[in-house]
Amino acid sequence: MIIKSMSRKSRSFSQLYHYMKKGSSQSSQYDFFSQNIYARKDKDIIAECSANAQRLKARRNGNYLFHEIISITKSSQLTLEQEKQRLFDIVQRYAQMRCKHNLVTGYMHDEKSNNVHFHLMISSNEIDSPTNQRLTKYEFDRVKKATEQYVIETYPELEQDILINATREQKRQK
């Protein structure tokens, strides 16, 4: 399992949202995720994210949103639908740990032959907050490690390698 986070310094909600949606097959109930967003139409979701970002105090070089990707390797034991269901659960849990009060939306991409992944757009501030929610590197690592631990313990059938929690010895062997 891989978790990647990229910050964005501009309010590019529309561009990222359409990129995420365009790459999704949207073939199952697990392909779309949102947290703390009440809109359902594309333009309304983007407007809600933009309105929340307007509440931020202007800061030079400040973050407006995060584009995060959670990826799992495909399993030989499960169907694509079963993998999607499990990844959706992982994304829900991750979002609760990482940013419980932030706006989050995303789409699952399943076009790759070796992995299924979820693109998330996360507001940098909590709902209606004028300040960015800042996670230290340590706090973010803790969330990633807890997420990987949850996946290993709850879904062994996903056959995920231990990467984030790997010891130095385990990393050398790979």
N, C-alpha and C. Protein backbone atom coordinates (compact mmCIF):
# COMPACT_ATOMS: atom_id res chain seq x y z
N MET A 1 0.84 -1.17 0.00
CA MET A 1 0.00 0.00 0.00
C MET A 1 0.89 1.24 0.00
N ILE A 2 0.48 2.22 -0.79
CA ILE A 2 1.22 3.47 -0.88
C ILE A 2 0.25 4.62 -0.60
N ILE A 3 0.72 5.59 0.19
CA ILE A 3 -0.04 6.81 0.45
C ILE A 3 0.86 7.98 0.06
N LYS A 4 0.38 8.79 -0.87
CA LYS A 4 1.18 9.92 -1.36
C LYS A 4 0.37 11.20 -1.18
N SER A 5 1.03 12.25 -0.72
CA SER A 5 0.36 13.54 -0.51
C SER A 5 1.10 14.64 -1.25
N MET A 6 0.35 15.45 -1.99
CA MET A 6 0.92 16.58 -2.72
C MET A 6 0.11 17.83 -2.37
N SER A 7 0.78 18.87 -1.93
CA SER A 7 0.07 20.11 -1.59
C SER A 7 -0.06 20.98 -2.83
N ARG A 8 -1.09 21.81 -2.82
CA ARG A 8 -1.30 22.76 -3.91
C ARG A 8 -1.41 24.16 -3.33
N LYS A 9 -0.68 25.07 -3.94
CA LYS A 9 -0.62 26.45 -3.47
C LYS A 9 -1.68 27.33 -4.12
N SER A 10 -2.39 26.79 -5.10
CA SER A 10 -3.44 27.57 -5.78
C SER A 10 -4.79 26.90 -5.55
N ARG A 11 -5.84 27.65 -5.78
CA ARG A 11 -7.21 27.14 -5.57
C ARG A 11 -7.67 26.40 -6.82
N SER A 12 -7.01 25.31 -7.14
CA SER A 12 -7.29 24.57 -8.37
C SER A 12 -8.29 23.44 -8.13
N PHE A 13 -9.34 23.72 -7.39
CA PHE A 13 -10.34 22.70 -7.06
C PHE A 13 -10.97 22.10 -8.31
N SER A 14 -11.37 22.96 -9.23
CA SER A 14 -12.06 22.50 -10.43
C SER A 14 -11.17 21.58 -11.27
N GLN A 15 -9.93 22.00 -11.48
CA GLN A 15 -9.01 21.20 -12.31
C GLN A 15 -8.79 19.83 -11.69
N LEU A 16 -8.51 19.78 -10.40
CA LEU A 16 -8.24 18.50 -9.74
C LEU A 16 -9.50 17.64 -9.70
N TYR A 17 -10.63 18.23 -9.38
CA TYR A 17 -11.88 17.46 -9.30
C TYR A 17 -12.19 16.80 -10.64
N HIS A 18 -12.08 17.56 -11.73
CA HIS A 18 -12.39 16.99 -13.04
C HIS A 18 -11.36 15.94 -13.46
N TYR A 19 -10.11 16.13 -13.08
CA TYR A 19 -9.09 15.10 -13.35
C TYR A 19 -9.44 13.80 -12.63
N MET A 20 -9.81 13.91 -11.36
CA MET A 20 -10.15 12.72 -10.58
C MET A 20 -11.37 12.01 -11.17
N LYS A 21 -12.38 12.78 -11.51
CA LYS A 21 -13.62 12.19 -12.02
C LYS A 21 -13.41 11.55 -13.39
N LYS A 22 -12.65 12.23 -14.26
CA LYS A 22 -12.42 11.73 -15.61
C LYS A 22 -11.72 10.37 -15.60
N GLY A 23 -10.83 10.15 -14.65
CA GLY A 23 -10.07 8.91 -14.60
C GLY A 23 -10.79 7.76 -13.93
N SER A 24 -11.98 8.01 -13.40
CA SER A 24 -12.72 6.97 -12.69
C SER A 24 -13.67 6.24 -13.63
N SER A 25 -13.79 4.93 -13.44
CA SER A 25 -14.73 4.17 -14.26
C SER A 25 -16.17 4.43 -13.83
N GLN A 26 -16.35 4.85 -12.57
CA GLN A 26 -17.67 5.12 -12.01
C GLN A 26 -18.63 3.96 -12.26
N SER A 27 -18.11 2.76 -12.08
CA SER A 27 -18.90 1.56 -12.37
C SER A 27 -19.47 0.90 -11.13
N SER A 28 -19.18 1.44 -9.95
CA SER A 28 -19.72 0.83 -8.73
C SER A 28 -20.01 1.89 -7.69
N GLN A 29 -20.69 1.49 -6.65
CA GLN A 29 -21.03 2.40 -5.56
C GLN A 29 -19.80 2.85 -4.78
N TYR A 30 -18.67 2.19 -4.97
CA TYR A 30 -17.46 2.50 -4.22
C TYR A 30 -16.54 3.49 -4.94
N ASP A 31 -16.92 3.96 -6.11
CA ASP A 31 -16.03 4.79 -6.92
C ASP A 31 -15.98 6.26 -6.52
N PHE A 32 -16.91 6.72 -5.69
CA PHE A 32 -16.95 8.13 -5.27
C PHE A 32 -17.00 8.20 -3.76
N PHE A 33 -16.21 9.12 -3.19
CA PHE A 33 -16.19 9.31 -1.74
C PHE A 33 -16.27 10.80 -1.43
N SER A 34 -17.02 11.13 -0.39
CA SER A 34 -17.00 12.51 0.11
C SER A 34 -17.19 12.50 1.62
N GLN A 35 -16.62 13.50 2.25
CA GLN A 35 -16.72 13.66 3.71
C GLN A 35 -16.92 15.14 4.00
N ASN A 36 -17.94 15.46 4.76
CA ASN A 36 -18.27 16.84 5.15
C ASN A 36 -18.67 17.72 3.97
N ILE A 37 -19.02 17.11 2.85
CA ILE A 37 -19.50 17.85 1.67
C ILE A 37 -20.96 17.46 1.47
N TYR A 38 -21.80 18.46 1.38
CA TYR A 38 -23.23 18.19 1.29
C TYR A 38 -23.76 18.28 -0.12
N ALA A 39 -23.04 18.92 -1.01
CA ALA A 39 -23.45 19.04 -2.41
C ALA A 39 -23.30 17.68 -3.10
N ARG A 40 -24.05 17.49 -4.17
CA ARG A 40 -23.95 16.25 -4.94
C ARG A 40 -23.58 16.49 -6.40
N LYS A 41 -23.86 17.67 -6.91
CA LYS A 41 -23.52 17.98 -8.30
C LYS A 41 -22.08 18.50 -8.35
N ASP A 42 -21.41 18.20 -9.45
CA ASP A 42 -20.00 18.57 -9.61
C ASP A 42 -19.75 20.05 -9.32
N LYS A 43 -20.49 20.92 -9.98
CA LYS A 43 -20.24 22.36 -9.82
C LYS A 43 -20.51 22.83 -8.39
N ASP A 44 -21.46 22.18 -7.71
CA ASP A 44 -21.76 22.55 -6.33
C ASP A 44 -20.68 22.06 -5.36
N ILE A 45 -20.11 20.89 -5.65
CA ILE A 45 -19.01 20.37 -4.82
C ILE A 45 -17.81 21.31 -4.92
N ILE A 46 -17.49 21.71 -6.16
CA ILE A 46 -16.37 22.62 -6.38
C ILE A 46 -16.64 23.96 -5.70
N ALA A 47 -17.87 24.45 -5.80
CA ALA A 47 -18.24 25.72 -5.16
C ALA A 47 -18.12 25.63 -3.64
N GLU A 48 -18.52 24.50 -3.08
CA GLU A 48 -18.42 24.32 -1.62
C GLU A 48 -16.96 24.33 -1.17
N CYS A 49 -16.10 23.67 -1.93
CA CYS A 49 -14.67 23.66 -1.59
C CYS A 49 -14.07 25.07 -1.73
N SER A 50 -14.44 25.76 -2.79
CA SER A 50 -13.93 27.12 -3.01
C SER A 50 -14.40 28.07 -1.91
N ALA A 51 -15.67 27.95 -1.52
CA ALA A 51 -16.22 28.82 -0.47
C ALA A 51 -15.49 28.58 0.85
N ASN A 52 -15.19 27.32 1.14
CA ASN A 52 -14.46 27.01 2.37
C ASN A 52 -13.04 27.60 2.32
N ALA A 53 -12.41 27.54 1.16
CA ALA A 53 -11.05 28.08 1.00
C ALA A 53 -11.04 29.61 1.12
N GLN A 54 -12.15 30.25 0.78
CA GLN A 54 -12.25 31.71 0.90
C GLN A 54 -12.11 32.16 2.35
N ARG A 55 -12.43 31.28 3.27
CA ARG A 55 -12.37 31.63 4.69
C ARG A 55 -10.92 31.68 5.22
N LEU A 56 -10.00 31.10 4.45
CA LEU A 56 -8.59 31.11 4.86
C LEU A 56 -8.01 32.51 4.82
N LYS A 57 -7.21 32.83 5.80
CA LYS A 57 -6.45 34.08 5.76
C LYS A 57 -5.41 33.94 4.67
N ALA A 58 -5.27 34.95 3.85
CA ALA A 58 -4.30 34.91 2.75
C ALA A 58 -2.89 34.83 3.33
N ARG A 59 -2.15 33.84 2.86
CA ARG A 59 -0.75 33.68 3.29
C ARG A 59 0.10 33.44 2.07
N ARG A 60 1.23 34.08 2.04
CA ARG A 60 2.15 33.84 0.93
C ARG A 60 2.65 32.40 1.03
N ASN A 61 2.61 31.70 -0.08
CA ASN A 61 3.08 30.32 -0.16
C ASN A 61 2.25 29.35 0.69
N GLY A 62 1.01 29.71 1.01
CA GLY A 62 0.15 28.85 1.81
C GLY A 62 -0.53 27.78 0.97
N ASN A 63 -0.88 26.68 1.59
CA ASN A 63 -1.58 25.59 0.90
C ASN A 63 -3.08 25.85 0.89
N TYR A 64 -3.72 25.50 -0.23
CA TYR A 64 -5.17 25.60 -0.32
C TYR A 64 -5.83 24.23 -0.31
N LEU A 65 -5.11 23.22 -0.79
CA LEU A 65 -5.68 21.88 -0.80
C LEU A 65 -4.57 20.86 -0.93
N PHE A 66 -4.95 19.62 -0.69
CA PHE A 66 -4.02 18.50 -0.84
C PHE A 66 -4.62 17.51 -1.81
N HIS A 67 -3.77 16.98 -2.68
CA HIS A 67 -4.14 15.90 -3.58
C HIS A 67 -3.42 14.67 -3.04
N GLU A 68 -4.20 13.73 -2.54
CA GLU A 68 -3.60 12.53 -1.94
C GLU A 68 -4.06 11.30 -2.69
N ILE A 69 -3.17 10.32 -2.76
CA ILE A 69 -3.46 9.07 -3.46
C ILE A 69 -3.20 7.92 -2.50
N ILE A 70 -4.18 7.03 -2.41
CA ILE A 70 -4.03 5.81 -1.62
C ILE A 70 -4.14 4.66 -2.60
N SER A 71 -3.09 3.86 -2.68
CA SER A 71 -3.00 2.81 -3.68
C SER A 71 -2.76 1.45 -3.03
N ILE A 72 -3.48 0.44 -3.51
CA ILE A 72 -3.22 -0.93 -3.08
C ILE A 72 -2.92 -1.78 -4.31
N THR A 73 -2.02 -2.74 -4.15
CA THR A 73 -1.74 -3.65 -5.25
C THR A 73 -2.90 -4.61 -5.40
N LYS A 74 -3.15 -5.03 -6.63
CA LYS A 74 -4.27 -5.96 -6.87
C LYS A 74 -3.94 -7.32 -6.27
N SER A 75 -4.98 -7.95 -5.76
CA SER A 75 -4.85 -9.25 -5.11
C SER A 75 -5.25 -10.37 -6.07
N SER A 76 -4.60 -11.51 -5.93
CA SER A 76 -4.96 -12.66 -6.77
C SER A 76 -6.20 -13.38 -6.24
N GLN A 77 -6.59 -13.07 -4.99
CA GLN A 77 -7.70 -13.77 -4.35
C GLN A 77 -9.05 -13.08 -4.51
N LEU A 78 -9.06 -11.82 -4.91
CA LEU A 78 -10.29 -11.03 -4.87
C LEU A 78 -10.71 -10.53 -6.24
N THR A 79 -12.00 -10.31 -6.39
CA THR A 79 -12.51 -9.67 -7.60
C THR A 79 -12.25 -8.17 -7.49
N LEU A 80 -12.35 -7.48 -8.60
CA LEU A 80 -12.17 -6.03 -8.60
C LEU A 80 -13.19 -5.37 -7.68
N GLU A 81 -14.42 -5.83 -7.70
CA GLU A 81 -15.47 -5.25 -6.85
C GLU A 81 -15.14 -5.43 -5.36
N GLN A 82 -14.60 -6.58 -4.99
CA GLN A 82 -14.20 -6.82 -3.60
C GLN A 82 -13.04 -5.90 -3.20
N GLU A 83 -12.10 -5.72 -4.11
CA GLU A 83 -10.98 -4.81 -3.83
C GLU A 83 -11.47 -3.37 -3.67
N LYS A 84 -12.40 -2.98 -4.52
CA LYS A 84 -12.96 -1.62 -4.42
C LYS A 84 -13.66 -1.42 -3.08
N GLN A 85 -14.41 -2.40 -2.65
CA GLN A 85 -15.13 -2.30 -1.38
C GLN A 85 -14.14 -2.12 -0.23
N ARG A 86 -13.07 -2.87 -0.24
CA ARG A 86 -12.08 -2.79 0.83
C ARG A 86 -11.31 -1.46 0.77
N LEU A 87 -10.94 -1.03 -0.43
CA LEU A 87 -10.24 0.25 -0.56
C LEU A 87 -11.14 1.40 -0.12
N PHE A 88 -12.42 1.34 -0.43
CA PHE A 88 -13.36 2.38 0.00
C PHE A 88 -13.38 2.46 1.53
N ASP A 89 -13.41 1.31 2.20
CA ASP A 89 -13.38 1.30 3.66
C ASP A 89 -12.07 1.90 4.18
N ILE A 90 -10.96 1.57 3.54
CA ILE A 90 -9.65 2.09 3.94
C ILE A 90 -9.64 3.62 3.79
N VAL A 91 -10.19 4.12 2.69
CA VAL A 91 -10.24 5.57 2.45
C VAL A 91 -11.09 6.27 3.51
N GLN A 92 -12.23 5.68 3.85
CA GLN A 92 -13.08 6.26 4.90
C GLN A 92 -12.32 6.38 6.21
N ARG A 93 -11.65 5.32 6.57
CA ARG A 93 -10.90 5.29 7.83
C ARG A 93 -9.74 6.29 7.80
N TYR A 94 -9.02 6.32 6.69
CA TYR A 94 -7.91 7.26 6.53
C TYR A 94 -8.39 8.71 6.66
N ALA A 95 -9.47 9.05 5.99
CA ALA A 95 -9.99 10.42 6.03
C ALA A 95 -10.40 10.81 7.44
N GLN A 96 -10.96 9.88 8.19
CA GLN A 96 -11.34 10.18 9.58
C GLN A 96 -10.11 10.44 10.45
N MET A 97 -9.04 9.68 10.22
CA MET A 97 -7.82 9.88 11.01
C MET A 97 -7.05 11.12 10.55
N ARG A 98 -6.97 11.33 9.27
CA ARG A 98 -6.13 12.38 8.68
C ARG A 98 -6.76 13.77 8.78
N CYS A 99 -8.09 13.83 8.56
CA CYS A 99 -8.71 15.16 8.44
C CYS A 99 -10.21 15.07 8.72
N LYS A 100 -10.55 14.73 9.92
CA LYS A 100 -11.94 14.47 10.32
C LYS A 100 -12.89 15.63 10.02
N HIS A 101 -12.42 16.87 10.14
CA HIS A 101 -13.30 18.03 10.00
C HIS A 101 -13.03 18.82 8.71
N ASN A 102 -12.25 18.26 7.80
CA ASN A 102 -11.97 18.93 6.52
C ASN A 102 -12.94 18.44 5.45
N LEU A 103 -13.03 19.21 4.38
CA LEU A 103 -13.80 18.77 3.21
C LEU A 103 -12.93 17.79 2.44
N VAL A 104 -13.51 16.64 2.09
CA VAL A 104 -12.77 15.62 1.34
C VAL A 104 -13.69 15.06 0.27
N THR A 105 -13.17 14.93 -0.93
CA THR A 105 -13.90 14.24 -1.99
C THR A 105 -12.88 13.51 -2.85
N GLY A 106 -13.33 12.46 -3.52
CA GLY A 106 -12.40 11.72 -4.36
C GLY A 106 -13.04 10.64 -5.18
N TYR A 107 -12.25 10.12 -6.11
CA TYR A 107 -12.71 9.07 -7.02
C TYR A 107 -11.68 7.95 -7.08
N MET A 108 -12.20 6.74 -7.25
CA MET A 108 -11.36 5.56 -7.40
C MET A 108 -10.99 5.39 -8.87
N HIS A 109 -9.73 5.01 -9.10
CA HIS A 109 -9.25 4.70 -10.45
C HIS A 109 -8.84 3.23 -10.46
N ASP A 110 -9.32 2.50 -11.46
CA ASP A 110 -9.02 1.07 -11.54
C ASP A 110 -8.47 0.66 -12.90
N GLU A 111 -7.95 1.64 -13.65
CA GLU A 111 -7.49 1.36 -15.01
C GLU A 111 -6.15 0.63 -15.07
N LYS A 112 -5.37 0.66 -14.02
CA LYS A 112 -4.06 0.01 -14.01
C LYS A 112 -4.22 -1.50 -13.81
N SER A 113 -3.31 -2.26 -14.38
CA SER A 113 -3.40 -3.71 -14.27
C SER A 113 -2.88 -4.23 -12.93
N ASN A 114 -2.03 -3.44 -12.25
CA ASN A 114 -1.41 -3.95 -11.02
C ASN A 114 -1.89 -3.28 -9.74
N ASN A 115 -2.73 -2.22 -9.84
CA ASN A 115 -3.19 -1.57 -8.61
C ASN A 115 -4.56 -0.92 -8.79
N VAL A 116 -5.18 -0.66 -7.66
CA VAL A 116 -6.41 0.13 -7.59
C VAL A 116 -6.07 1.28 -6.67
N HIS A 117 -6.45 2.49 -7.03
CA HIS A 117 -6.08 3.63 -6.19
C HIS A 117 -7.20 4.66 -6.13
N PHE A 118 -7.15 5.45 -5.07
CA PHE A 118 -8.15 6.48 -4.82
C PHE A 118 -7.45 7.83 -4.82
N HIS A 119 -7.96 8.77 -5.61
CA HIS A 119 -7.49 10.15 -5.59
C HIS A 119 -8.39 10.93 -4.65
N LEU A 120 -7.81 11.66 -3.72
CA LEU A 120 -8.57 12.48 -2.78
C LEU A 120 -8.18 13.94 -2.92
N MET A 121 -9.17 14.81 -2.83
CA MET A 121 -8.95 16.25 -2.76
C MET A 121 -9.37 16.66 -1.35
N ILE A 122 -8.42 17.18 -0.58
CA ILE A 122 -8.65 17.50 0.83
C ILE A 122 -8.42 19.00 1.04
N SER A 123 -9.40 19.66 1.64
CA SER A 123 -9.23 21.09 1.93
C SER A 123 -8.12 21.25 2.97
N SER A 124 -7.37 22.33 2.87
CA SER A 124 -6.27 22.53 3.82
C SER A 124 -6.76 23.06 5.16
N ASN A 125 -8.00 23.55 5.18
CA ASN A 125 -8.57 24.04 6.44
C ASN A 125 -9.79 23.21 6.81
N GLU A 126 -10.07 23.16 8.11
CA GLU A 126 -11.28 22.50 8.56
C GLU A 126 -12.48 23.34 8.12
N ILE A 127 -13.67 22.79 8.21
CA ILE A 127 -14.88 23.49 7.77
C ILE A 127 -14.97 24.86 8.45
N ASP A 128 -15.11 25.89 7.64
CA ASP A 128 -15.29 27.28 8.09
C ASP A 128 -14.15 27.84 8.94
N SER A 129 -13.00 27.20 8.94
CA SER A 129 -11.87 27.68 9.75
C SER A 129 -11.02 28.67 8.94
N PRO A 130 -10.53 29.73 9.58
CA PRO A 130 -9.67 30.69 8.88
C PRO A 130 -8.20 30.27 8.83
N THR A 131 -7.86 29.15 9.47
CA THR A 131 -6.46 28.71 9.49
C THR A 131 -6.31 27.31 8.90
N ASN A 132 -5.15 27.07 8.32
CA ASN A 132 -4.85 25.74 7.78
C ASN A 132 -4.72 24.72 8.90
N GLN A 133 -5.16 23.51 8.61
CA GLN A 133 -4.92 22.41 9.53
C GLN A 133 -3.53 21.89 9.17
N ARG A 134 -2.63 21.93 10.10
CA ARG A 134 -1.26 21.50 9.80
C ARG A 134 -0.94 20.22 10.54
N LEU A 135 -0.54 19.22 9.77
CA LEU A 135 -0.03 17.99 10.36
C LEU A 135 1.49 18.04 10.27
N THR A 136 2.15 17.74 11.36
CA THR A 136 3.61 17.65 11.29
C THR A 136 3.95 16.38 10.51
N LYS A 137 5.19 16.28 10.09
CA LYS A 137 5.64 15.07 9.38
C LYS A 137 5.42 13.84 10.27
N TYR A 138 5.68 13.99 11.55
CA TYR A 138 5.50 12.89 12.50
C TYR A 138 4.02 12.48 12.58
N GLU A 139 3.13 13.46 12.68
CA GLU A 139 1.69 13.15 12.77
C GLU A 139 1.19 12.48 11.49
N PHE A 140 1.65 12.98 10.33
CA PHE A 140 1.25 12.39 9.06
C PHE A 140 1.78 10.96 8.94
N ASP A 141 3.02 10.74 9.35
CA ASP A 141 3.59 9.38 9.34
C ASP A 141 2.79 8.45 10.25
N ARG A 142 2.37 8.97 11.39
CA ARG A 142 1.57 8.16 12.32
C ARG A 142 0.25 7.73 11.68
N VAL A 143 -0.41 8.63 10.96
CA VAL A 143 -1.66 8.31 10.26
C VAL A 143 -1.40 7.26 9.19
N LYS A 144 -0.33 7.43 8.42
CA LYS A 144 0.00 6.46 7.37
C LYS A 144 0.29 5.08 7.97
N LYS A 145 1.06 5.05 9.06
CA LYS A 145 1.39 3.78 9.70
C LYS A 145 0.15 3.10 10.28
N ALA A 146 -0.72 3.88 10.90
CA ALA A 146 -1.95 3.32 11.46
C ALA A 146 -2.85 2.78 10.36
N THR A 147 -2.89 3.46 9.23
CA THR A 147 -3.70 3.00 8.10
C THR A 147 -3.15 1.70 7.56
N GLU A 148 -1.83 1.63 7.38
CA GLU A 148 -1.23 0.39 6.88
C GLU A 148 -1.46 -0.75 7.86
N GLN A 149 -1.31 -0.49 9.14
CA GLN A 149 -1.53 -1.52 10.16
C GLN A 149 -2.97 -2.04 10.09
N TYR A 150 -3.93 -1.14 9.92
CA TYR A 150 -5.34 -1.51 9.79
C TYR A 150 -5.54 -2.43 8.58
N VAL A 151 -4.92 -2.08 7.47
CA VAL A 151 -5.06 -2.87 6.24
C VAL A 151 -4.47 -4.27 6.43
N ILE A 152 -3.28 -4.36 7.01
CA ILE A 152 -2.61 -5.65 7.21
C ILE A 152 -3.44 -6.54 8.14
N GLU A 153 -3.96 -5.96 9.22
CA GLU A 153 -4.71 -6.75 10.20
C GLU A 153 -6.13 -7.08 9.75
N THR A 154 -6.80 -6.15 9.10
CA THR A 154 -8.21 -6.32 8.76
C THR A 154 -8.41 -7.03 7.43
N TYR A 155 -7.53 -6.79 6.48
CA TYR A 155 -7.69 -7.34 5.14
C TYR A 155 -6.45 -8.10 4.67
N PRO A 156 -6.11 -9.21 5.33
CA PRO A 156 -4.93 -9.97 4.88
C PRO A 156 -5.10 -10.50 3.45
N GLU A 157 -6.35 -10.69 3.03
CA GLU A 157 -6.61 -11.19 1.68
C GLU A 157 -6.20 -10.19 0.59
N LEU A 158 -5.94 -8.94 0.96
CA LEU A 158 -5.46 -7.96 -0.01
C LEU A 158 -4.00 -8.19 -0.39
N GLU A 159 -3.31 -9.00 0.42
CA GLU A 159 -1.92 -9.39 0.14
C GLU A 159 -0.99 -8.18 -0.03
N GLN A 160 -1.11 -7.21 0.87
CA GLN A 160 -0.29 -6.00 0.79
C GLN A 160 1.04 -6.22 1.50
N ASP A 161 2.12 -5.77 0.87
CA ASP A 161 3.43 -5.81 1.51
C ASP A 161 3.48 -4.73 2.59
N ILE A 162 4.27 -4.98 3.62
CA ILE A 162 4.49 -3.96 4.64
C ILE A 162 5.56 -3.02 4.10
N LEU A 163 5.17 -1.79 3.83
CA LEU A 163 6.11 -0.81 3.29
C LEU A 163 6.33 0.35 4.26
N ILE A 164 5.26 0.91 4.76
CA ILE A 164 5.35 2.10 5.61
C ILE A 164 5.89 1.73 6.99
N ASN A 165 5.45 0.60 7.53
CA ASN A 165 5.88 0.15 8.86
C ASN A 165 7.10 -0.76 8.81
N ALA A 166 7.70 -0.93 7.65
CA ALA A 166 8.82 -1.85 7.51
C ALA A 166 10.02 -1.39 8.34
N THR A 167 10.69 -2.36 8.94
CA THR A 167 11.92 -2.06 9.68
C THR A 167 13.04 -1.83 8.66
N ARG A 168 14.15 -1.31 9.14
CA ARG A 168 15.29 -1.09 8.24
C ARG A 168 15.72 -2.40 7.59
N GLU A 169 15.69 -3.46 8.37
CA GLU A 169 16.09 -4.78 7.86
C GLU A 169 15.14 -5.23 6.74
N GLN A 170 13.85 -5.05 6.96
CA GLN A 170 12.87 -5.43 5.94
C GLN A 170 13.04 -4.60 4.68
N LYS A 171 13.35 -3.32 4.83
CA LYS A 171 13.54 -2.44 3.67
C LYS A 171 14.77 -2.85 2.87
N ARG A 172 15.83 -3.28 3.56
CA ARG A 172 17.05 -3.72 2.88
C ARG A 172 16.82 -4.98 2.06
N GLN A 173 15.95 -5.86 2.55
CA GLN A 173 15.70 -7.13 1.88
C GLN A 173 14.89 -6.97 0.59
N LYS A 174 14.24 -5.85 0.42
CA LYS A 174 13.37 -5.67 -0.77
C LYS A 174 14.13 -5.16 -1.94
